[in-house]
């Protein structure tokens, strides 16, 4: 039968949403040999198993045969070594040396104190070495003996007479090492008669001291 041109049938249109028959890829994951199937031709991919995580625990040993590490030394300072006692003769020499040093210091101190301390008057006495006696119109010496500490300095003094006003202030220079000073008052008596007077030395400096004596006069004319 002849086919007419108008009787030709067109094939049905292709459905774009039609399901395409394809081999479904399958992935198999296992512990020892994991196989992955991809694609139409079923390619096989072998995946090596992941290495397990290893945890290192501190080593612990037990038993009498296991050596135990020694404990760490504490940070305390080492004890000082005990000093050996010194011999007896060394201690005696040390004591004697200390005593000699102390004695030397005392001697030097006394020497300096003696040299540096000021002049001091320790005592004073007044006498008449040659009294007037029975002489007329006579001059007698009234002598004051002053004892000092031997230091150098100046003595300031004056005389008191019972028949007159005090004298002016006088001075006497004392040298170093001089322990005695002599102060003299010359007293003149005239006329006929008998009298007894007093003479007093008054030391003003460096140490206030007073000392006196009686002075007699007797004159008988015929």
Protein backbone atom coordinates (compact mmCIF):
# COMPACT_ATOMS: atom_id res chain seq x y z
CA UNK A 1 0.00 0.00 0.00
CA UNK A 2 1.37 3.16 -0.96
CA UNK A 3 1.89 5.70 1.71
CA UNK A 4 0.43 8.94 1.02
CA UNK A 5 2.20 12.04 1.87
CA UNK A 6 -0.55 13.29 4.05
CA UNK A 7 -0.72 10.05 6.04
CA UNK A 8 2.86 10.31 7.54
CA UNK A 9 2.78 10.51 11.30
CA UNK A 10 5.23 12.52 13.32
CA UNK A 11 6.80 10.81 16.27
CA UNK A 12 5.50 11.99 19.59
CA UNK A 13 7.47 14.86 21.13
CA UNK A 14 10.09 14.06 23.65
CA UNK A 15 9.09 14.77 27.26
CA UNK A 16 11.90 16.74 28.85
CA UNK A 17 10.70 15.72 32.26
CA UNK A 18 10.66 12.08 31.45
CA UNK A 19 12.65 9.94 33.81
CA UNK A 20 15.96 8.89 32.37
CA UNK A 21 16.91 5.40 33.21
CA UNK A 22 20.33 5.56 34.70
CA UNK A 23 22.15 3.39 37.08
CA UNK A 24 21.85 4.88 40.55
CA UNK A 25 25.31 5.44 42.02
CA UNK A 26 25.78 3.71 45.31
CA UNK A 27 28.29 4.70 48.02
CA UNK A 28 29.26 1.97 50.44
CA UNK A 29 31.21 3.13 53.56
CA UNK A 30 32.69 0.42 55.65
CA UNK A 31 35.31 0.00 58.37
CA UNK A 32 37.87 -2.00 56.39
CA UNK A 33 37.25 -1.49 52.68
CA UNK A 34 34.93 1.31 51.71
CA UNK A 35 33.76 1.18 48.14
CA UNK A 36 32.17 4.09 46.30
CA UNK A 37 30.29 3.39 43.07
CA UNK A 38 29.95 6.48 40.87
CA UNK A 39 28.82 6.87 37.24
CA UNK A 40 27.29 4.65 34.75
CA UNK A 41 30.22 2.30 34.42
CA UNK A 42 30.35 1.60 38.18
CA UNK A 43 33.85 2.98 38.95
CA UNK A 44 35.24 1.79 42.25
CA UNK A 45 37.12 4.09 44.64
CA UNK A 46 38.92 2.51 47.58
CA UNK A 47 39.17 4.71 50.70
CA UNK A 48 41.70 3.78 53.34
CA UNK A 49 40.34 3.69 56.85
CA UNK A 50 41.12 6.66 59.01
CA UNK A 51 43.90 6.03 61.52
CA UNK A 52 42.49 5.83 65.03
CA UNK A 53 43.46 8.52 67.50
CA UNK A 54 46.13 7.39 69.97
CA UNK A 55 46.17 8.93 73.46
CA UNK A 56 49.38 8.75 75.44
CA UNK A 57 48.71 8.15 79.07
CA UNK A 58 51.34 8.82 81.73
CA UNK A 59 53.40 5.75 82.46
CA UNK A 60 52.51 4.08 85.70
CA UNK A 61 54.54 1.25 87.13
CA UNK A 62 53.85 -0.94 90.08
CA UNK A 63 55.73 -3.65 91.82
CA UNK A 64 58.87 -4.06 93.91
CA UNK A 65 61.17 -4.30 90.89
CA UNK A 66 60.24 -0.90 89.46
CA UNK A 67 62.68 1.87 90.53
CA UNK A 68 61.02 4.96 92.01
CA UNK A 69 62.56 8.28 90.92
CA UNK A 70 63.99 10.25 93.87
CA UNK A 71 61.89 13.23 95.03
CA UNK A 72 63.04 16.68 94.04
CA UNK A 73 65.12 18.47 96.66
CA UNK A 74 63.28 21.35 98.36
CA UNK A 75 64.56 24.86 97.82
CA UNK A 76 65.75 25.31 101.43
CA UNK A 77 69.19 26.87 102.01
CA UNK A 78 71.88 24.46 102.99
CA UNK A 79 72.60 24.48 106.75
CA UNK A 80 75.70 26.43 107.74
CA UNK A 81 78.66 24.40 108.77
CA UNK A 82 79.22 24.33 112.52
CA UNK A 83 82.18 26.53 113.45
CA UNK A 84 84.93 24.77 115.30
CA UNK A 85 85.67 26.25 118.73
CA UNK A 86 88.87 28.26 118.91
CA UNK A 87 91.71 26.94 121.01
CA UNK A 88 91.99 28.14 124.60
CA UNK A 89 95.22 30.04 124.04
CA UNK A 90 93.65 31.99 121.19
CA UNK A 91 90.78 33.04 123.43
CA UNK A 92 93.20 34.10 126.16
CA UNK A 93 95.20 36.17 123.68
CA UNK A 94 92.00 37.81 122.47
CA UNK A 95 90.91 38.68 126.04
CA UNK A 96 94.34 40.08 126.94
CA UNK A 97 94.43 42.12 123.77
CA UNK A 98 91.03 43.60 124.61
CA UNK A 99 92.14 44.47 128.15
CA UNK A 100 95.33 46.13 126.92
CA UNK A 101 93.38 48.16 124.39
CA UNK A 102 90.92 49.28 127.09
CA UNK A 103 93.77 50.27 129.43
CA UNK A 104 95.46 52.25 126.66
CA UNK A 105 92.22 54.08 125.90
CA UNK A 106 91.76 54.96 129.59
CA UNK A 107 95.34 56.26 129.93
CA UNK A 108 95.07 58.38 126.81
CA UNK A 109 91.70 59.72 127.94
CA UNK A 110 93.04 60.70 131.36
CA UNK A 111 96.06 62.35 129.78
CA UNK A 112 93.92 64.37 127.41
CA UNK A 113 91.54 65.29 130.21
CA UNK A 114 94.42 66.47 132.35
CA UNK A 115 95.86 68.48 129.48
CA UNK A 116 92.61 70.00 128.27
CA UNK A 117 90.73 70.78 131.48
CA UNK A 118 90.92 74.42 132.65
CA UNK A 119 92.85 75.90 135.58
CA UNK A 120 91.35 75.27 139.02
CA UNK A 121 92.28 76.64 142.46
CA UNK A 122 92.26 73.83 144.99
CA UNK A 123 93.17 75.72 148.20
CA UNK A 124 94.71 78.90 149.58
CA UNK A 125 96.48 79.83 152.83
CA UNK A 126 97.69 83.25 154.14
CA UNK A 127 100.67 83.75 156.48
CA UNK A 128 103.06 86.47 157.66
CA UNK A 129 106.60 85.04 157.28
CA UNK A 130 108.26 87.93 159.21
CA UNK A 131 105.95 89.53 161.77
CA UNK A 132 106.50 93.14 162.89
CA UNK A 133 107.24 92.16 166.49
CA UNK A 134 108.28 95.14 168.64
CA UNK A 135 109.61 97.19 165.77
CA UNK A 136 108.27 100.60 164.92
CA UNK A 137 107.46 101.96 161.51
CA UNK A 138 107.80 98.63 159.77
CA UNK A 139 106.51 97.00 156.55
CA UNK A 140 105.49 93.37 156.64
CA UNK A 141 104.71 90.92 153.82
CA UNK A 142 101.42 89.06 153.91
CA UNK A 143 101.79 86.00 151.65
CA UNK A 144 98.95 83.91 150.17
CA UNK A 145 99.97 80.46 148.91
CA UNK A 146 97.56 79.20 146.27
CA UNK A 147 97.57 75.56 145.13
CA UNK A 148 96.23 74.71 141.64
CA UNK A 149 95.63 71.65 139.47
CA UNK A 150 98.69 72.40 137.34
CA UNK A 151 96.87 73.76 134.31
CA UNK A 152 97.80 77.05 132.73
CA UNK A 153 95.61 80.10 133.17
CA UNK A 154 95.11 83.36 134.99
CA UNK A 155 94.16 83.96 138.64
CA UNK A 156 92.16 87.11 139.35
CA UNK A 157 92.16 88.23 142.99
CA UNK A 158 92.12 91.17 145.44
CA UNK A 159 93.13 91.85 149.06
CA UNK A 160 90.85 92.87 151.90
CA UNK A 161 92.45 94.83 154.78
CA UNK A 162 90.60 95.50 157.99
CA UNK A 163 91.87 99.10 158.11
CA UNK A 164 91.29 100.08 154.48
CA UNK A 165 89.16 99.55 151.39
CA UNK A 166 89.67 96.48 149.15
CA UNK A 167 92.46 96.74 146.64
CA UNK A 168 91.95 96.71 142.92
CA UNK A 169 91.55 93.41 141.10
CA UNK A 170 94.97 91.92 140.37
CA UNK A 171 96.05 89.07 138.08
CA UNK A 172 98.62 86.30 138.31
CA UNK A 173 99.67 84.20 135.31
CA UNK A 174 100.01 80.45 136.00
CA UNK A 175 102.04 78.25 133.66
CA UNK A 176 101.34 74.63 132.70
CA UNK A 177 102.60 72.29 135.41
CA UNK A 178 102.81 75.05 138.01
CA UNK A 179 100.88 73.84 141.04
CA UNK A 180 101.71 76.64 143.49
CA UNK A 181 101.35 80.40 143.17
CA UNK A 182 102.44 83.07 145.67
CA UNK A 183 100.40 86.27 146.07
CA UNK A 184 101.99 88.96 148.27
CA UNK A 185 100.51 91.99 150.08
CA UNK A 186 102.95 94.59 151.52
CA UNK A 187 101.48 96.26 154.59
CA UNK A 188 103.19 99.25 156.25
CA UNK A 189 102.64 100.19 159.93
CA UNK A 190 103.77 103.50 161.54
CA UNK A 191 103.45 105.26 164.89
CA UNK A 192 103.51 104.25 168.49
CA UNK A 193 101.07 101.79 169.80
CA UNK A 194 99.78 98.26 169.48
CA UNK A 195 97.24 96.92 166.98
CA UNK A 196 96.04 93.63 165.48
CA UNK A 197 94.60 93.66 161.99
CA UNK A 198 93.41 91.02 159.47
CA UNK A 199 94.33 90.45 155.83
CA UNK A 200 92.17 88.34 153.51
CA UNK A 201 92.86 87.24 149.97
CA UNK A 202 89.77 86.99 147.77
CA UNK A 203 90.27 84.84 144.65
CA UNK A 204 87.65 85.66 142.04
CA UNK A 205 88.66 83.38 139.15
CA UNK A 206 88.96 80.64 138.13
CA UNK A 207 87.59 79.27 141.44
CA UNK A 208 86.18 81.55 144.14
CA UNK A 209 88.29 81.01 147.30
CA UNK A 210 88.98 83.16 150.38
CA UNK A 211 91.68 82.84 153.05
CA UNK A 212 92.99 85.25 155.76
CA UNK A 213 95.26 85.76 158.76
CA UNK A 214 95.91 88.18 161.61
CA UNK A 215 98.70 90.78 161.43
CA UNK A 216 100.01 92.34 164.71
CA UNK A 217 101.96 95.56 165.31
CA UNK A 218 103.53 96.83 168.54
CA UNK A 219 105.69 99.94 168.91
CA UNK A 220 106.87 101.30 172.29
CA UNK A 221 109.08 104.39 172.29
CA UNK A 222 110.70 105.93 175.38
